[in-house]
Amino acid sequence: ASQGGAQDQSSKKKGG
């Protein structure tokens, strides 16, 4: 689920 800023729970911190 790496789309835009709404990524996975572990990657959501990265945003975008």
C-alpha atoms as a PDB file:
ATOM      1  CA  ALA A   1       0.000   0.000   0.000  1.00  0.00           C
ATOM      2  CA  SER A   2       2.650   2.486  -0.990  1.00  0.00           C
ATOM      3  CA  GLN A   3       0.560   5.169  -2.662  1.00  0.00           C
ATOM      4  CA  GLY A   4       0.950   8.868  -1.892  1.00  0.00           C
ATOM      5  CA  GLY A   5       1.309   9.674   1.800  1.00  0.00           C
ATOM      6  CA  ALA A   6      -1.138   6.969   2.918  1.00  0.00           C
ATOM      7  CA  GLN A   7       1.275   4.053   3.078  1.00  0.00           C
ATOM      8  CA  ASP A   8       1.368   1.054   5.416  1.00  0.00           C
ATOM      9  CA  GLN A   9       1.451   1.498   9.194  1.00  0.00           C
ATOM     10  CA  SER A  10       5.240   1.158   9.195  1.00  0.00           C
ATOM     11  CA  SER A  11       5.774   3.406   6.181  1.00  0.00           C
ATOM     12  CA  LYS A  12       3.049   5.973   6.857  1.00  0.00           C
ATOM     13  CA  LYS A  13       5.612   7.974   8.856  1.00  0.00           C
ATOM     14  CA  LYS A  14       7.483   8.669   5.610  1.00  0.00           C
ATOM     15  CA  GLY A  15       4.469  10.343   3.987  1.00  0.00           C
ATOM     16  CA  GLY A  16       4.830  11.754   0.517  1.00  0.00           C
END
